[in-house]
Amino acid sequence: MRILGIETSCDETALAVVGEQEGLARGRATAEGRFVIEQNVLASQAQTHAKYGGVVPEVAAREHAALLFPLLHQMEIAHDGSGIDAIAVTAGPGLVPALRIGVELAKTFAWVWHKPLVAVNHLEGHVYSVWLDSVPQFPTLCLLVSGGHTELILMKDHGRYKLLGMTRDDAAGEAFDKVAKLLGLPYPGGPEISKAAMTGNPQAVDFPRPMLTSGDLDFSFAGLKTAVRVYLAQKEAGQKINDIAASFQQAVVDTLVHKTLQAVEQVHPRSVILSGGVSANRLLRETLKGKLHERSPEITFHAPDLSLTGDNAVMIALAGLFKAKREEFCNPLTLVADPNLRLA
């Protein structure tokens, strides 16, 4: 099976063709088959939105419309869609003007090419990003951390999800961006915080670890962001920005890891997945993997290749492939973008 994935949920315009076939070079042979990235193109709008300090939905939509067809011309896809078995598109959640561009393109291709259409939840795409190179055993616990979402999800089987906890305010990635702005660092802030933290002291500032004793698996990062703002307003002259960045990053990582290990004790998964844009954070990856191995060495740890941590069409195609195998298709005449689409 070969599936075309389309992703336009935020500020990345992406297209990919992923195949499932034995004997191909990339991907691991498993009971579910072998996956290979046959084609993958992406155009980032980060520089466009940097001057605004964040993503402007209408600007993102216009950029998607301008970029999709030039990206298509870079790909080797027959004009009649021959060789493509299905089309997968991000239907939500995300910025509705941006989502609509990809959804309408996918609907058009499905109708003109007479191909089945799969609507993919963007969060499900992040979960499936690890399936390219590994196979988590069910039940698997997923810590999904991105600019718009911070969730703990129990995945009992393909397509079966249970939400265990989520942020009550800012997502972790959103907090990274906002704190970066407070520190005068450029957008997007997550990588800039991590870069600054490399030469900082993570014990320099004792920032709070939110909701560690809340008794549930929810998160909250708005208060931590406020603590950074208050500290900056009161800090002594000469306090290094790198120390503040490192201390903030450590507080976020400690919170995410603590809650994940708490969830492990409650649901007893066979594997743990770390996914989403913030999964590219080296400290988070190393800390969660290390702490998990210390406590439960029998539980396997899975994180996507760094190239698949951000928004991309490969993960949408992968998730769509599994849905297509279950024949979970939608009508191209009735599919609409849903900015609030829930996974569980």
Protein backbone atom coordinates (compact mmCIF):
# COMPACT_ATOMS: atom_id res chain seq x y z
CA MET A 1 0.00 0.00 0.00
CA ARG A 2 1.21 3.52 -0.85
CA ILE A 3 -0.46 6.50 0.79
CA LEU A 4 -0.14 10.24 0.18
CA GLY A 5 -0.06 12.30 3.38
CA ILE A 6 -0.95 16.00 3.55
CA GLU A 7 -0.25 18.21 6.58
CA THR A 8 -1.22 21.89 6.95
CA SER A 9 -2.42 22.18 10.55
CA CYS A 10 -0.18 25.08 11.57
CA ASP A 11 2.89 26.62 9.92
CA GLU A 12 4.47 23.64 8.17
CA THR A 13 3.35 22.77 4.63
CA ALA A 14 4.16 19.11 4.05
CA LEU A 15 3.51 16.25 1.63
CA ALA A 16 4.80 12.70 1.77
CA VAL A 17 4.30 9.30 0.23
CA VAL A 18 4.78 6.36 2.59
CA GLY A 19 4.69 2.77 1.43
CA GLU A 20 4.26 -0.56 3.16
CA GLN A 21 6.12 -3.25 1.33
CA GLU A 22 8.61 -6.01 2.03
CA GLY A 23 12.16 -5.70 0.80
CA LEU A 24 12.56 -1.92 0.94
CA ALA A 25 15.52 -0.23 2.51
CA ARG A 26 14.13 1.97 5.24
CA GLY A 27 11.88 0.77 8.02
CA ARG A 28 11.83 -2.31 10.19
CA ALA A 29 10.22 -5.58 9.15
CA THR A 30 7.46 -6.40 11.64
CA ALA A 31 4.19 -8.28 11.84
CA GLU A 32 2.59 -5.08 10.58
CA GLY A 33 4.88 -4.85 7.55
CA ARG A 34 7.72 -2.61 6.47
CA PHE A 35 7.31 1.14 6.08
CA VAL A 36 9.38 3.30 3.81
CA ILE A 37 9.42 7.03 3.14
CA GLU A 38 9.26 7.13 -0.62
CA GLN A 39 8.87 10.89 -0.96
CA ASN A 40 8.89 13.68 1.61
CA VAL A 41 8.79 17.45 1.05
CA LEU A 42 8.25 20.22 3.58
CA ALA A 43 8.29 24.01 3.61
CA SER A 44 8.52 25.83 6.93
CA GLN A 45 6.93 29.21 7.57
CA ALA A 46 8.93 29.86 10.74
CA GLN A 47 10.75 32.87 9.35
CA THR A 48 7.50 34.34 8.03
CA HIS A 49 5.86 34.23 11.46
CA ALA A 50 8.98 35.12 13.47
CA LYS A 51 8.33 38.85 13.04
CA TYR A 52 4.92 38.38 14.71
CA GLY A 53 6.30 36.34 17.60
CA GLY A 54 3.89 33.49 16.81
CA VAL A 55 1.78 31.94 14.09
CA VAL A 56 -0.90 34.13 12.47
CA PRO A 57 -3.65 31.76 11.19
CA GLU A 58 -4.65 33.78 8.12
CA VAL A 59 -1.04 34.29 7.07
CA ALA A 60 -0.38 30.56 7.54
CA ALA A 61 -3.34 29.67 5.32
CA ARG A 62 -2.16 31.97 2.53
CA GLU A 63 1.32 30.49 2.72
CA HIS A 64 -0.06 26.94 2.53
CA ALA A 65 -2.06 27.84 -0.56
CA ALA A 66 1.02 29.35 -2.19
CA LEU A 67 3.38 26.49 -1.25
CA LEU A 68 1.38 23.30 -1.84
CA PHE A 69 1.52 23.16 -5.62
CA PRO A 70 5.24 24.04 -5.88
CA LEU A 71 5.85 21.23 -3.39
CA LEU A 72 3.69 18.88 -5.45
CA HIS A 73 5.79 19.66 -8.51
CA GLN A 74 8.84 18.47 -6.58
CA MET A 75 7.25 15.04 -6.14
CA GLU A 76 6.97 12.19 -8.59
CA ILE A 77 3.22 11.57 -8.59
CA ALA A 78 1.31 10.69 -11.74
CA HIS A 79 -1.23 13.28 -12.86
CA ASP A 80 -4.00 10.69 -12.47
CA GLY A 81 -2.80 9.51 -9.03
CA SER A 82 -1.84 6.07 -10.30
CA GLY A 83 0.39 4.28 -7.81
CA ILE A 84 -1.31 5.97 -4.86
CA ASP A 85 -3.74 3.71 -2.99
CA ALA A 86 -5.21 6.26 -0.56
CA ILE A 87 -4.92 9.85 0.62
CA ALA A 88 -4.50 10.88 4.26
CA VAL A 89 -4.92 14.45 5.47
CA THR A 90 -4.77 16.22 8.81
CA ALA A 91 -8.40 17.08 9.59
CA GLY A 92 -7.66 18.59 13.02
CA PRO A 93 -6.86 19.82 15.56
CA GLY A 94 -5.07 22.95 14.46
CA LEU A 95 -5.65 26.39 13.01
CA VAL A 96 -8.87 26.18 11.04
CA PRO A 97 -7.82 28.47 8.13
CA ALA A 98 -4.65 26.41 7.71
CA LEU A 99 -6.41 23.05 8.09
CA ARG A 100 -8.94 23.93 5.40
CA ILE A 101 -6.24 24.35 2.75
CA GLY A 102 -4.95 20.80 3.17
CA VAL A 103 -8.39 19.27 3.64
CA GLU A 104 -9.78 20.83 0.46
CA LEU A 105 -6.75 19.69 -1.54
CA ALA A 106 -7.10 16.14 -0.23
CA LYS A 107 -10.83 16.09 -0.99
CA THR A 108 -10.15 17.27 -4.53
CA PHE A 109 -7.53 14.59 -5.15
CA ALA A 110 -9.76 11.89 -3.67
CA TRP A 111 -12.65 12.91 -5.92
CA VAL A 112 -10.67 13.41 -9.13
CA TRP A 113 -8.42 10.39 -8.69
CA HIS A 114 -11.17 8.12 -7.29
CA LYS A 115 -9.05 7.28 -4.27
CA PRO A 116 -10.23 6.54 -0.70
CA LEU A 117 -9.76 9.40 1.76
CA VAL A 118 -8.61 9.10 5.37
CA ALA A 119 -9.08 11.91 7.91
CA VAL A 120 -6.22 11.83 10.42
CA ASN A 121 -6.11 13.41 13.85
CA HIS A 122 -2.90 15.45 14.04
CA LEU A 123 -2.15 14.07 17.52
CA GLU A 124 -2.53 10.51 16.24
CA GLY A 125 0.04 11.37 13.59
CA HIS A 126 2.52 12.34 16.31
CA VAL A 127 1.86 9.05 18.09
CA TYR A 128 2.46 7.03 14.92
CA SER A 129 5.67 8.88 14.07
CA VAL A 130 7.60 6.24 16.06
CA TRP A 131 6.23 3.35 13.98
CA LEU A 132 8.63 4.05 11.12
CA ASP A 133 11.55 2.53 13.01
CA SER A 134 10.07 0.64 15.97
CA VAL A 135 6.95 -1.19 17.15
CA PRO A 136 5.70 -0.26 20.63
CA GLN A 137 3.93 -3.08 22.42
CA PHE A 138 0.36 -2.54 23.63
CA PRO A 139 -0.77 -1.15 25.91
CA THR A 140 1.53 1.82 25.34
CA LEU A 141 1.60 5.07 27.28
CA CYS A 142 2.20 8.16 25.16
CA LEU A 143 3.47 11.48 26.44
CA LEU A 144 2.54 13.88 23.65
CA VAL A 145 4.23 17.25 24.06
CA SER A 146 3.92 20.01 21.48
CA GLY A 147 3.25 23.70 21.09
CA GLY A 148 -0.49 23.23 21.39
CA HIS A 149 -0.87 20.03 23.41
CA THR A 150 0.53 18.30 26.46
CA GLU A 151 -1.27 15.02 27.07
CA LEU A 152 -0.80 11.59 28.58
CA ILE A 153 -2.65 9.04 26.47
CA LEU A 154 -3.04 5.30 26.98
CA MET A 155 -3.12 3.51 23.63
CA LYS A 156 -4.67 0.10 24.15
CA ASP A 157 -4.47 -0.97 20.49
CA HIS A 158 -4.50 0.64 17.07
CA GLY A 159 -7.23 3.27 17.11
CA ARG A 160 -8.09 2.76 20.80
CA TYR A 161 -7.14 5.68 23.05
CA LYS A 162 -7.85 6.81 26.59
CA LEU A 163 -6.94 10.31 27.77
CA LEU A 164 -5.26 10.13 31.19
CA GLY A 165 -4.19 13.71 31.69
CA MET A 166 -3.76 17.02 29.87
CA THR A 167 -2.64 20.58 30.45
CA ARG A 168 -5.16 22.86 32.12
CA ASP A 169 -3.70 25.97 30.50
CA ASP A 170 -0.51 26.43 28.48
CA ALA A 171 1.03 23.46 26.69
CA ALA A 172 4.70 22.81 27.40
CA GLY A 173 5.76 23.94 23.93
CA GLU A 174 3.70 27.09 24.27
CA ALA A 175 5.42 27.83 27.58
CA PHE A 176 8.82 27.39 25.91
CA ASP A 177 7.87 29.92 23.23
CA LYS A 178 6.48 32.44 25.72
CA VAL A 179 9.46 32.21 28.06
CA ALA A 180 11.83 32.55 25.12
CA LYS A 181 10.06 35.79 24.23
CA LEU A 182 10.44 37.00 27.84
CA LEU A 183 14.16 36.26 27.60
CA GLY A 184 14.49 38.11 24.31
CA LEU A 185 15.17 34.95 22.31
CA PRO A 186 13.82 34.55 18.76
CA TYR A 187 10.81 32.51 17.64
CA PRO A 188 10.34 29.56 17.65
CA GLY A 189 11.40 29.54 21.26
CA GLY A 190 11.76 25.86 22.13
CA PRO A 191 15.03 25.24 20.28
CA GLU A 192 16.38 28.61 21.41
CA ILE A 193 15.71 27.81 25.09
CA SER A 194 17.45 24.45 24.68
CA LYS A 195 20.43 26.07 22.97
CA ALA A 196 20.80 28.69 25.69
CA ALA A 197 20.38 26.08 28.42
CA MET A 198 23.38 24.09 27.17
CA THR A 199 25.72 26.60 28.81
CA GLY A 200 23.48 27.43 31.76
CA ASN A 201 23.16 26.13 35.31
CA PRO A 202 19.84 24.27 35.76
CA GLN A 203 20.03 24.78 39.55
CA ALA A 204 20.60 28.53 39.34
CA VAL A 205 16.93 29.42 39.87
CA ASP A 206 14.47 27.33 41.90
CA PHE A 207 11.42 27.58 39.65
CA PRO A 208 8.24 25.68 40.71
CA ARG A 209 7.33 22.21 39.44
CA PRO A 210 3.58 22.64 38.86
CA MET A 211 0.98 20.13 40.09
CA LEU A 212 3.40 17.41 41.19
CA THR A 213 1.15 16.63 44.16
CA SER A 214 -2.22 17.32 42.49
CA GLY A 215 -3.30 13.69 42.75
CA ASP A 216 -4.09 13.47 39.02
CA LEU A 217 -2.17 13.31 35.75
CA ASP A 218 -2.94 16.83 34.55
CA PHE A 219 -0.36 19.51 33.82
CA SER A 220 -0.16 23.29 34.17
CA PHE A 221 2.57 25.53 32.79
CA ALA A 222 1.01 29.01 32.93
CA GLY A 223 2.17 29.50 36.53
CA LEU A 224 5.71 28.44 35.68
CA LYS A 225 5.77 30.97 32.84
CA THR A 226 4.54 33.63 35.27
CA ALA A 227 7.24 32.65 37.76
CA VAL A 228 9.86 33.33 35.09
CA ARG A 229 8.30 36.73 34.31
CA VAL A 230 8.22 37.70 37.99
CA TYR A 231 11.80 36.54 38.47
CA LEU A 232 12.96 38.57 35.47
CA ALA A 233 11.29 41.66 36.93
CA GLN A 234 13.06 41.15 40.27
CA LYS A 235 16.32 39.45 39.32
CA GLU A 236 19.67 40.79 40.34
CA ALA A 237 21.71 42.60 37.73
CA GLY A 238 24.04 40.29 35.89
CA GLN A 239 21.94 37.13 36.16
CA LYS A 240 22.74 35.11 33.07
CA ILE A 241 19.95 34.42 30.57
CA ASN A 242 21.46 30.98 30.00
CA ASP A 243 21.01 30.09 33.69
CA ILE A 244 17.37 31.17 33.59
CA ALA A 245 16.77 29.15 30.41
CA ALA A 246 18.42 26.07 31.92
CA SER A 247 16.46 26.37 35.17
CA PHE A 248 13.17 26.80 33.33
CA GLN A 249 13.88 23.86 31.03
CA GLN A 250 14.77 21.67 34.01
CA ALA A 251 11.48 22.55 35.73
CA VAL A 252 9.47 21.59 32.64
CA VAL A 253 11.36 18.32 32.17
CA ASP A 254 11.06 17.38 35.84
CA THR A 255 7.30 17.95 35.69
CA LEU A 256 6.77 15.98 32.48
CA VAL A 257 8.90 13.05 33.64
CA HIS A 258 7.32 12.93 37.11
CA LYS A 259 3.79 12.81 35.72
CA THR A 260 4.72 10.19 33.12
CA LEU A 261 6.28 7.90 35.70
CA GLN A 262 3.21 8.41 37.88
CA ALA A 263 1.07 7.27 34.94
CA VAL A 264 3.31 4.25 34.42
CA GLU A 265 2.63 3.14 37.99
CA GLN A 266 -1.12 3.49 37.44
CA VAL A 267 -1.66 1.84 34.05
CA HIS A 268 1.33 -0.58 33.80
CA PRO A 269 2.09 -0.19 30.08
CA ARG A 270 4.43 -2.44 28.12
CA SER A 271 5.97 0.54 26.33
CA VAL A 272 6.22 4.31 26.56
CA ILE A 273 6.16 6.73 23.63
CA LEU A 274 7.48 10.28 23.72
CA SER A 275 6.24 12.29 20.72
CA GLY A 276 5.37 15.78 19.50
CA GLY A 277 7.55 18.78 18.74
CA VAL A 278 9.00 19.02 22.25
CA SER A 279 10.14 15.38 22.01
CA ALA A 280 13.15 16.81 20.13
CA ASN A 281 14.37 18.26 23.45
CA ARG A 282 17.51 16.30 24.31
CA LEU A 283 17.19 16.71 28.08
CA LEU A 284 13.61 15.45 28.05
CA ARG A 285 14.50 12.42 25.93
CA GLU A 286 17.48 11.42 27.99
CA THR A 287 15.84 12.03 31.37
CA LEU A 288 12.61 10.16 30.60
CA LYS A 289 14.43 7.23 29.01
CA GLY A 290 16.88 7.00 31.90
CA LYS A 291 14.31 7.30 34.71
CA LEU A 292 12.01 4.80 32.99
CA HIS A 293 14.82 2.27 32.69
CA GLU A 294 15.76 2.74 36.34
CA ARG A 295 12.23 2.08 37.59
CA SER A 296 10.87 -0.34 35.01
CA PRO A 297 13.60 -1.81 32.79
CA GLU A 298 11.12 -4.18 31.17
CA ILE A 299 9.20 -1.27 29.62
CA THR A 300 10.53 -0.17 26.24
CA PHE A 301 11.00 3.49 25.35
CA HIS A 302 10.20 4.90 21.91
CA ALA A 303 10.73 8.36 20.42
CA PRO A 304 10.61 9.43 16.77
CA ASP A 305 13.59 10.27 14.64
CA LEU A 306 14.42 13.94 15.17
CA SER A 307 13.34 14.68 11.61
CA LEU A 308 9.81 13.52 12.49
CA THR A 309 9.33 15.33 15.80
CA GLY A 310 7.83 18.47 14.27
CA ASP A 311 4.74 18.68 12.09
CA ASN A 312 5.28 16.59 8.96
CA ALA A 313 3.35 14.59 6.40
CA VAL A 314 5.18 11.33 7.00
CA MET A 315 3.47 10.87 10.36
CA ILE A 316 0.09 11.69 8.80
CA ALA A 317 0.67 9.11 6.09
CA LEU A 318 1.74 6.50 8.68
CA ALA A 319 -1.35 7.06 10.83
CA GLY A 320 -3.49 7.12 7.70
CA LEU A 321 -2.04 3.85 6.52
CA PHE A 322 -3.17 2.05 9.66
CA LYS A 323 -6.63 3.64 9.38
CA ALA A 324 -6.83 2.66 5.71
CA LYS A 325 -6.02 -0.94 6.58
CA ARG A 326 -9.01 -0.83 8.94
CA GLU A 327 -11.03 0.75 6.08
CA GLU A 328 -11.78 3.86 8.15
CA PHE A 329 -12.47 6.07 5.14
CA CYS A 330 -14.49 9.28 4.94
CA ASN A 331 -16.65 10.92 2.30
CA PRO A 332 -14.74 13.64 0.39
CA LEU A 333 -18.01 15.51 -0.12
CA THR A 334 -18.71 15.87 3.60
CA LEU A 335 -15.29 16.05 5.31
CA VAL A 336 -14.67 19.37 7.07
CA ALA A 337 -11.70 20.61 9.05
CA ASP A 338 -12.22 20.43 12.82
CA PRO A 339 -9.85 22.69 14.83
CA ASN A 340 -11.00 21.04 18.08
CA LEU A 341 -10.82 17.41 16.95
CA ARG A 342 -10.23 15.11 19.93
CA LEU A 343 -8.21 11.93 19.96
CA ALA A 344 -9.74 10.50 23.12
